[in-house]
PDB file of all heavy atoms in Angstrom:
ATOM      1  N   VAL A   1       0.787  -1.258  -0.025  1.00  0.00           N
ATOM      2  CA  VAL A   1       0.067  -0.035  -0.107  1.00  0.00           C
ATOM      3  C   VAL A   1       0.781   1.221   0.007  1.00  0.00           C
ATOM      4  O   VAL A   1       0.683   2.144  -0.775  1.00  0.00           O
ATOM      5  CB  VAL A   1      -0.923   0.040   1.230  1.00  0.00           C
ATOM      6  CG1 VAL A   1      -1.670   1.374   1.315  1.00  0.00           C
ATOM      7  CG2 VAL A   1      -1.956  -1.092   1.055  1.00  0.00           C
ATOM      8  N   THR A   2       1.823   1.287   0.794  1.00  0.00           N
ATOM      9  CA  THR A   2       2.625   2.457   0.988  1.00  0.00           C
ATOM     10  C   THR A   2       3.617   2.694  -0.188  1.00  0.00           C
ATOM     11  O   THR A   2       3.944   3.830  -0.588  1.00  0.00           O
ATOM     12  CB  THR A   2       3.492   2.443   2.296  1.00  0.00           C
ATOM     13  OG1 THR A   2       4.354   1.301   2.276  1.00  0.00           O
ATOM     14  CG2 THR A   2       2.694   2.546   3.492  1.00  0.00           C
ATOM     15  N   ASN A   3       3.777   1.646  -0.917  1.00  0.00           N
ATOM     16  CA  ASN A   3       4.650   1.822  -2.169  1.00  0.00           C
ATOM     17  C   ASN A   3       3.862   1.932  -3.400  1.00  0.00           C
ATOM     18  O   ASN A   3       4.379   1.777  -4.630  1.00  0.00           O
ATOM     19  CB  ASN A   3       5.603   0.515  -2.237  1.00  0.00           C
ATOM     20  CG  ASN A   3       6.661   0.529  -1.222  1.00  0.00           C
ATOM     21  OD1 ASN A   3       7.169   1.517  -0.645  1.00  0.00           O
ATOM     22  ND2 ASN A   3       7.208  -0.711  -0.953  1.00  0.00           N
ATOM     23  N   ASP A   4       2.484   2.128  -3.270  1.00  0.00           N
ATOM     24  CA  ASP A   4       1.572   2.296  -4.315  1.00  0.00           C
ATOM     25  C   ASP A   4       1.618   1.133  -5.301  1.00  0.00           C
ATOM     26  O   ASP A   4       1.512   1.196  -6.542  1.00  0.00           O
ATOM     27  CB  ASP A   4       1.990   3.447  -5.151  1.00  0.00           C
ATOM     28  CG  ASP A   4       1.677   4.849  -4.248  1.00  0.00           C
ATOM     29  OD1 ASP A   4       0.563   4.844  -3.686  1.00  0.00           O
ATOM     30  OD2 ASP A   4       2.446   5.709  -4.409  1.00  0.00           O
ATOM     31  N   LYS A   5       1.756  -0.078  -4.761  1.00  0.00           N
ATOM     32  CA  LYS A   5       1.713  -1.288  -5.518  1.00  0.00           C
ATOM     33  C   LYS A   5       0.451  -2.025  -5.436  1.00  0.00           C
ATOM     34  O   LYS A   5       0.172  -3.007  -6.107  1.00  0.00           O
ATOM     35  CB  LYS A   5       2.944  -2.237  -5.157  1.00  0.00           C
ATOM     36  CG  LYS A   5       4.267  -1.663  -5.534  1.00  0.00           C
ATOM     37  CD  LYS A   5       5.344  -2.676  -5.397  1.00  0.00           C
ATOM     38  CE  LYS A   5       6.744  -2.309  -5.675  1.00  0.00           C
ATOM     39  NZ  LYS A   5       6.970  -1.059  -6.498  1.00  0.00           N
ATOM     40  N   ALA A   6      -0.375  -1.805  -4.429  1.00  0.00           N
ATOM     41  CA  ALA A   6      -1.717  -2.399  -4.155  1.00  0.00           C
ATOM     42  C   ALA A   6      -2.820  -1.932  -5.016  1.00  0.00           C
ATOM     43  O   ALA A   6      -3.078  -0.732  -5.120  1.00  0.00           O
ATOM     44  CB  ALA A   6      -1.942  -2.434  -2.736  1.00  0.00           C
ATOM     45  N   ALA A   7      -3.486  -2.846  -5.592  1.00  0.00           N
ATOM     46  CA  ALA A   7      -4.672  -2.462  -6.349  1.00  0.00           C
ATOM     47  C   ALA A   7      -5.971  -2.571  -5.539  1.00  0.00           C
ATOM     48  O   ALA A   7      -6.849  -1.776  -5.583  1.00  0.00           O
ATOM     49  CB  ALA A   7      -4.876  -3.288  -7.673  1.00  0.00           C
ATOM     50  N   LYS A   8      -5.961  -3.561  -4.698  1.00  0.00           N
ATOM     51  CA  LYS A   8      -7.065  -3.859  -3.789  1.00  0.00           C
ATOM     52  C   LYS A   8      -6.593  -4.562  -2.537  1.00  0.00           C
ATOM     53  O   LYS A   8      -5.596  -5.229  -2.676  1.00  0.00           O
ATOM     54  CB  LYS A   8      -8.006  -4.714  -4.556  1.00  0.00           C
ATOM     55  CG  LYS A   8      -9.357  -4.966  -3.889  1.00  0.00           C
ATOM     56  CD  LYS A   8     -10.290  -5.884  -4.629  1.00  0.00           C
ATOM     57  CE  LYS A   8     -10.697  -5.347  -5.973  1.00  0.00           C
ATOM     58  NZ  LYS A   8     -11.581  -6.324  -6.677  1.00  0.00           N
ATOM     59  N   VAL A   9      -7.176  -4.215  -1.462  1.00  0.00           N
ATOM     60  CA  VAL A   9      -6.684  -4.841  -0.149  1.00  0.00           C
ATOM     61  C   VAL A   9      -7.874  -5.591   0.492  1.00  0.00           C
ATOM     62  O   VAL A   9      -9.024  -5.227   0.368  1.00  0.00           O
ATOM     63  CB  VAL A   9      -6.186  -3.769   0.757  1.00  0.00           C
ATOM     64  CG1 VAL A   9      -5.904  -4.227   2.153  1.00  0.00           C
ATOM     65  CG2 VAL A   9      -4.800  -3.123   0.239  1.00  0.00           C
ATOM     66  N   TYR A  10      -7.581  -6.734   0.970  1.00  0.00           N
ATOM     67  CA  TYR A  10      -8.542  -7.564   1.641  1.00  0.00           C
ATOM     68  C   TYR A  10      -8.177  -7.661   3.048  1.00  0.00           C
ATOM     69  O   TYR A  10      -7.077  -7.855   3.479  1.00  0.00           O
ATOM     70  CB  TYR A  10      -8.376  -8.974   1.140  1.00  0.00           C
ATOM     71  CG  TYR A  10      -8.762  -9.106  -0.222  1.00  0.00           C
ATOM     72  CD1 TYR A  10      -7.692  -8.924  -1.326  1.00  0.00           C
ATOM     73  CD2 TYR A  10     -10.042  -9.313  -0.742  1.00  0.00           C
ATOM     74  CE1 TYR A  10      -8.043  -8.943  -2.699  1.00  0.00           C
ATOM     75  CE2 TYR A  10     -10.320  -9.420  -2.123  1.00  0.00           C
ATOM     76  CZ  TYR A  10      -9.316  -9.161  -2.934  1.00  0.00           C
ATOM     77  OH  TYR A  10      -9.663  -9.294  -4.406  1.00  0.00           O
ATOM     78  N   VAL A  11      -9.227  -7.382   3.941  1.00  0.00           N
ATOM     79  CA  VAL A  11      -8.994  -7.319   5.448  1.00  0.00           C
ATOM     80  C   VAL A  11     -10.070  -8.398   6.078  1.00  0.00           C
ATOM     81  O   VAL A  11     -11.269  -8.286   5.789  1.00  0.00           O
ATOM     82  CB  VAL A  11      -9.248  -5.827   5.985  1.00  0.00           C
ATOM     83  CG1 VAL A  11      -9.150  -5.882   7.483  1.00  0.00           C
ATOM     84  CG2 VAL A  11      -8.187  -5.014   5.431  1.00  0.00           C
ATOM     85  N   ALA A  12      -9.507  -9.219   6.906  1.00  0.00           N
ATOM     86  CA  ALA A  12     -10.459 -10.059   7.722  1.00  0.00           C
ATOM     87  C   ALA A  12     -11.109  -9.332   8.842  1.00  0.00           C
ATOM     88  O   ALA A  12     -10.491  -8.581   9.531  1.00  0.00           O
ATOM     89  CB  ALA A  12      -9.586 -11.289   8.236  1.00  0.00           C
ATOM     90  N   ARG A  13     -12.486  -9.416   8.908  1.00  0.00           N
ATOM     91  CA  ARG A  13     -13.160  -8.706   9.930  1.00  0.00           C
ATOM     92  C   ARG A  13     -12.758  -9.268  11.360  1.00  0.00           C
ATOM     93  O   ARG A  13     -12.851  -8.474  12.364  1.00  0.00           O
ATOM     94  CB  ARG A  13     -14.605  -9.001   9.837  1.00  0.00           C
ATOM     95  CG  ARG A  13     -15.273  -8.365   8.500  1.00  0.00           C
ATOM     96  CD  ARG A  13     -16.757  -8.488   8.539  1.00  0.00           C
ATOM     97  NE  ARG A  13     -17.305  -8.109   7.240  1.00  0.00           N
ATOM     98  CZ  ARG A  13     -17.486  -6.855   6.915  1.00  0.00           C
ATOM     99  NH1 ARG A  13     -17.247  -5.881   7.640  1.00  0.00           N
ATOM    100  NH2 ARG A  13     -18.026  -6.555   5.798  1.00  0.00           N
ATOM    101  N   ASP A  14     -12.296 -10.501  11.586  1.00  0.00           N
ATOM    102  CA  ASP A  14     -11.990 -10.828  12.908  1.00  0.00           C
ATOM    103  C   ASP A  14     -10.482 -10.715  13.261  1.00  0.00           C
ATOM    104  O   ASP A  14     -10.070 -11.154  14.283  1.00  0.00           O
ATOM    105  CB  ASP A  14     -12.324 -12.396  13.080  1.00  0.00           C
ATOM    106  CG  ASP A  14     -11.626 -13.293  12.149  1.00  0.00           C
ATOM    107  OD1 ASP A  14     -10.933 -12.862  11.213  1.00  0.00           O
ATOM    108  OD2 ASP A  14     -11.706 -14.617  12.425  1.00  0.00           O
ATOM    109  N   ALA A  15      -9.705 -10.061  12.470  1.00  0.00           N
ATOM    110  CA  ALA A  15      -8.285  -9.780  12.659  1.00  0.00           C
ATOM    111  C   ALA A  15      -8.275  -8.647  13.720  1.00  0.00           C
ATOM    112  O   ALA A  15      -9.174  -7.894  13.911  1.00  0.00           O
ATOM    113  CB  ALA A  15      -7.523  -9.287  11.370  1.00  0.00           C
ATOM    114  N   GLU A  16      -7.168  -8.647  14.523  1.00  0.00           N
ATOM    115  CA  GLU A  16      -7.019  -7.733  15.564  1.00  0.00           C
ATOM    116  C   GLU A  16      -6.913  -6.248  14.893  1.00  0.00           C
ATOM    117  O   GLU A  16      -6.138  -6.118  13.978  1.00  0.00           O
ATOM    118  CB  GLU A  16      -5.935  -8.019  16.496  1.00  0.00           C
ATOM    119  CG  GLU A  16      -6.121  -9.472  17.231  1.00  0.00           C
ATOM    120  CD  GLU A  16      -4.953  -9.565  18.337  1.00  0.00           C
ATOM    121  OE1 GLU A  16      -4.480  -8.666  18.828  1.00  0.00           O
ATOM    122  OE2 GLU A  16      -4.781 -10.815  18.397  1.00  0.00           O
ATOM    123  N   GLU A  17      -7.592  -5.304  15.583  1.00  0.00           N
ATOM    124  CA  GLU A  17      -7.605  -4.028  15.060  1.00  0.00           C
ATOM    125  C   GLU A  17      -6.173  -3.301  15.023  1.00  0.00           C
ATOM    126  O   GLU A  17      -5.924  -2.608  13.969  1.00  0.00           O
ATOM    127  CB  GLU A  17      -8.521  -3.051  15.961  1.00  0.00           C
ATOM    128  CG  GLU A  17      -8.682  -1.717  15.239  1.00  0.00           C
ATOM    129  CD  GLU A  17      -9.517  -0.846  16.075  1.00  0.00           C
ATOM    130  OE1 GLU A  17     -10.197  -1.206  16.951  1.00  0.00           O
ATOM    131  OE2 GLU A  17      -9.501   0.439  15.845  1.00  0.00           O
ATOM    132  N   HIS A  18      -5.358  -3.667  15.973  1.00  0.00           N
ATOM    133  CA  HIS A  18      -4.008  -2.966  16.006  1.00  0.00           C
ATOM    134  C   HIS A  18      -3.232  -3.537  14.768  1.00  0.00           C
ATOM    135  O   HIS A  18      -2.222  -2.895  14.432  1.00  0.00           O
ATOM    136  CB  HIS A  18      -3.195  -3.282  17.273  1.00  0.00           C
ATOM    137  CG  HIS A  18      -2.759  -4.755  17.474  1.00  0.00           C
ATOM    138  ND1 HIS A  18      -3.422  -5.677  18.250  1.00  0.00           N
ATOM    139  CD2 HIS A  18      -1.547  -5.290  17.055  1.00  0.00           C
ATOM    140  CE1 HIS A  18      -2.695  -6.692  18.318  1.00  0.00           C
ATOM    141  NE2 HIS A  18      -1.699  -6.532  17.543  1.00  0.00           N
ATOM    142  N   VAL A  19      -3.516  -4.725  14.265  1.00  0.00           N
ATOM    143  CA  VAL A  19      -2.818  -5.214  13.083  1.00  0.00           C
ATOM    144  C   VAL A  19      -3.343  -4.514  11.791  1.00  0.00           C
ATOM    145  O   VAL A  19      -2.651  -4.167  10.896  1.00  0.00           O
ATOM    146  CB  VAL A  19      -2.987  -6.795  12.985  1.00  0.00           C
ATOM    147  CG1 VAL A  19      -2.546  -7.295  11.638  1.00  0.00           C
ATOM    148  CG2 VAL A  19      -2.457  -7.475  14.131  1.00  0.00           C
ATOM    149  N   THR A  20      -4.803  -4.294  11.748  1.00  0.00           N
ATOM    150  CA  THR A  20      -5.320  -3.874  10.412  1.00  0.00           C
ATOM    151  C   THR A  20      -5.446  -2.305  10.397  1.00  0.00           C
ATOM    152  O   THR A  20      -5.547  -1.787   9.310  1.00  0.00           O
ATOM    153  CB  THR A  20      -6.695  -4.411  10.290  1.00  0.00           C
ATOM    154  OG1 THR A  20      -7.545  -4.106  11.409  1.00  0.00           O
ATOM    155  CG2 THR A  20      -6.607  -6.045  10.184  1.00  0.00           C
ATOM    156  N   LYS A  21      -5.484  -1.597  11.490  1.00  0.00           N
ATOM    157  CA  LYS A  21      -5.894  -0.253  11.499  1.00  0.00           C
ATOM    158  C   LYS A  21      -4.974   0.666  10.671  1.00  0.00           C
ATOM    159  O   LYS A  21      -5.485   1.350   9.798  1.00  0.00           O
ATOM    160  CB  LYS A  21      -5.800   0.322  13.021  1.00  0.00           C
ATOM    161  CG  LYS A  21      -6.396   1.835  12.943  1.00  0.00           C
ATOM    162  CD  LYS A  21      -6.546   2.342  14.351  1.00  0.00           C
ATOM    163  CE  LYS A  21      -7.073   3.774  14.383  1.00  0.00           C
ATOM    164  NZ  LYS A  21      -7.225   4.540  13.159  1.00  0.00           N
ATOM    165  N   LYS A  22      -3.638   0.467  10.744  1.00  0.00           N
ATOM    166  CA  LYS A  22      -2.786   1.420   9.892  1.00  0.00           C
ATOM    167  C   LYS A  22      -2.862   0.957   8.424  1.00  0.00           C
ATOM    168  O   LYS A  22      -2.746   1.883   7.630  1.00  0.00           O
ATOM    169  CB  LYS A  22      -1.274   1.237  10.393  1.00  0.00           C
ATOM    170  CG  LYS A  22      -0.516   0.047  10.002  1.00  0.00           C
ATOM    171  CD  LYS A  22       0.933   0.037  10.605  1.00  0.00           C
ATOM    172  CE  LYS A  22       1.775  -1.124  10.074  1.00  0.00           C
ATOM    173  NZ  LYS A  22       3.060  -0.955  10.430  1.00  0.00           N
ATOM    174  N   ILE A  23      -3.164  -0.275   8.085  1.00  0.00           N
ATOM    175  CA  ILE A  23      -3.383  -0.605   6.737  1.00  0.00           C
ATOM    176  C   ILE A  23      -4.664  -0.009   6.223  1.00  0.00           C
ATOM    177  O   ILE A  23      -4.618   0.607   5.075  1.00  0.00           O
ATOM    178  CB  ILE A  23      -3.538  -2.165   6.567  1.00  0.00           C
ATOM    179  CG1 ILE A  23      -2.031  -2.703   6.972  1.00  0.00           C
ATOM    180  CG2 ILE A  23      -3.856  -2.641   5.135  1.00  0.00           C
ATOM    181  CD1 ILE A  23      -1.983  -4.168   7.134  1.00  0.00           C
ATOM    182  N   ILE A  24      -5.716  -0.041   6.968  1.00  0.00           N
ATOM    183  CA  ILE A  24      -7.032   0.557   6.612  1.00  0.00           C
ATOM    184  C   ILE A  24      -6.800   2.165   6.430  1.00  0.00           C
ATOM    185  O   ILE A  24      -7.290   2.650   5.424  1.00  0.00           O
ATOM    186  CB  ILE A  24      -8.048   0.137   7.626  1.00  0.00           C
ATOM    187  CG1 ILE A  24      -8.453  -1.288   7.552  1.00  0.00           C
ATOM    188  CG2 ILE A  24      -9.381   1.051   7.323  1.00  0.00           C
ATOM    189  CD1 ILE A  24      -9.294  -1.792   8.552  1.00  0.00           C
ATOM    190  N   ASP A  25      -6.179   2.696   7.384  1.00  0.00           N
ATOM    191  CA  ASP A  25      -5.875   4.168   7.234  1.00  0.00           C
ATOM    192  C   ASP A  25      -5.032   4.504   6.056  1.00  0.00           C
ATOM    193  O   ASP A  25      -5.407   5.454   5.297  1.00  0.00           O
ATOM    194  CB  ASP A  25      -5.077   4.683   8.433  1.00  0.00           C
ATOM    195  CG  ASP A  25      -6.010   4.620   9.777  1.00  0.00           C
ATOM    196  OD1 ASP A  25      -7.308   4.415   9.601  1.00  0.00           O
ATOM    197  OD2 ASP A  25      -5.488   4.742  10.925  1.00  0.00           O
ATOM    198  N   ALA A  26      -4.036   3.711   5.708  1.00  0.00           N
ATOM    199  CA  ALA A  26      -3.101   3.943   4.583  1.00  0.00           C
ATOM    200  C   ALA A  26      -4.030   3.789   3.309  1.00  0.00           C
ATOM    201  O   ALA A  26      -3.873   4.613   2.303  1.00  0.00           O
ATOM    202  CB  ALA A  26      -2.067   3.005   4.542  1.00  0.00           C
ATOM    203  N   CYS A  27      -4.886   2.804   3.211  1.00  0.00           N
ATOM    204  CA  CYS A  27      -5.762   2.474   2.015  1.00  0.00           C
ATOM    205  C   CYS A  27      -6.695   3.729   1.859  1.00  0.00           C
ATOM    206  O   CYS A  27      -6.913   4.212   0.754  1.00  0.00           O
ATOM    207  CB  CYS A  27      -6.532   1.323   2.240  1.00  0.00           C
ATOM    208  SG  CYS A  27      -5.707  -0.238   2.027  1.00  0.00           S
ATOM    209  N   ASN A  28      -7.242   4.269   2.984  1.00  0.00           N
ATOM    210  CA  ASN A  28      -8.187   5.285   2.789  1.00  0.00           C
ATOM    211  C   ASN A  28      -7.496   6.522   2.310  1.00  0.00           C
ATOM    212  O   ASN A  28      -8.033   7.311   1.485  1.00  0.00           O
ATOM    213  CB  ASN A  28      -8.838   5.554   4.118  1.00  0.00           C
ATOM    214  CG  ASN A  28      -9.765   4.497   4.490  1.00  0.00           C
ATOM    215  OD1 ASN A  28     -10.378   3.805   3.623  1.00  0.00           O
ATOM    216  ND2 ASN A  28     -10.107   4.343   5.891  1.00  0.00           N
ATOM    217  N   SER A  29      -6.271   6.876   2.806  1.00  0.00           N
ATOM    218  CA  SER A  29      -5.546   8.054   2.422  1.00  0.00           C
ATOM    219  C   SER A  29      -5.136   7.925   0.946  1.00  0.00           C
ATOM    220  O   SER A  29      -5.015   8.961   0.186  1.00  0.00           O
ATOM    221  CB  SER A  29      -4.345   8.249   3.310  1.00  0.00           C
ATOM    222  OG  SER A  29      -3.234   7.357   3.063  1.00  0.00           O
ATOM    223  N   LYS A  30      -5.005   6.787   0.385  1.00  0.00           N
ATOM    224  CA  LYS A  30      -4.614   6.535  -0.928  1.00  0.00           C
ATOM    225  C   LYS A  30      -5.729   6.062  -1.865  1.00  0.00           C
ATOM    226  O   LYS A  30      -5.492   5.668  -3.065  1.00  0.00           O
ATOM    227  CB  LYS A  30      -3.478   5.514  -1.141  1.00  0.00           C
ATOM    228  CG  LYS A  30      -2.117   6.064  -0.502  1.00  0.00           C
ATOM    229  CD  LYS A  30      -1.132   5.020  -0.597  1.00  0.00           C
ATOM    230  CE  LYS A  30       0.253   5.473  -0.121  1.00  0.00           C
ATOM    231  NZ  LYS A  30       0.896   6.323  -0.997  1.00  0.00           N
ATOM    232  N   SER A  31      -6.903   6.096  -1.319  1.00  0.00           N
ATOM    233  CA  SER A  31      -8.200   5.767  -2.056  1.00  0.00           C
ATOM    234  C   SER A  31      -8.028   4.328  -2.746  1.00  0.00           C
ATOM    235  O   SER A  31      -8.417   4.074  -3.826  1.00  0.00           O
ATOM    236  CB  SER A  31      -8.469   6.782  -3.229  1.00  0.00           C
ATOM    237  OG  SER A  31      -8.692   8.039  -2.639  1.00  0.00           O
TER     238      SER A  31
END
C-alpha cells in the first residue's frame, strides 16, 4: 500500500484492530 503497488486490499473482519488499523488508514488516504 505505501509503495503504491496495491490495487485492492482484503481485510479479515476478525483480525485484531492493531494489526489492520494502519493498513486501513493507509488505504483510505490513498483511495
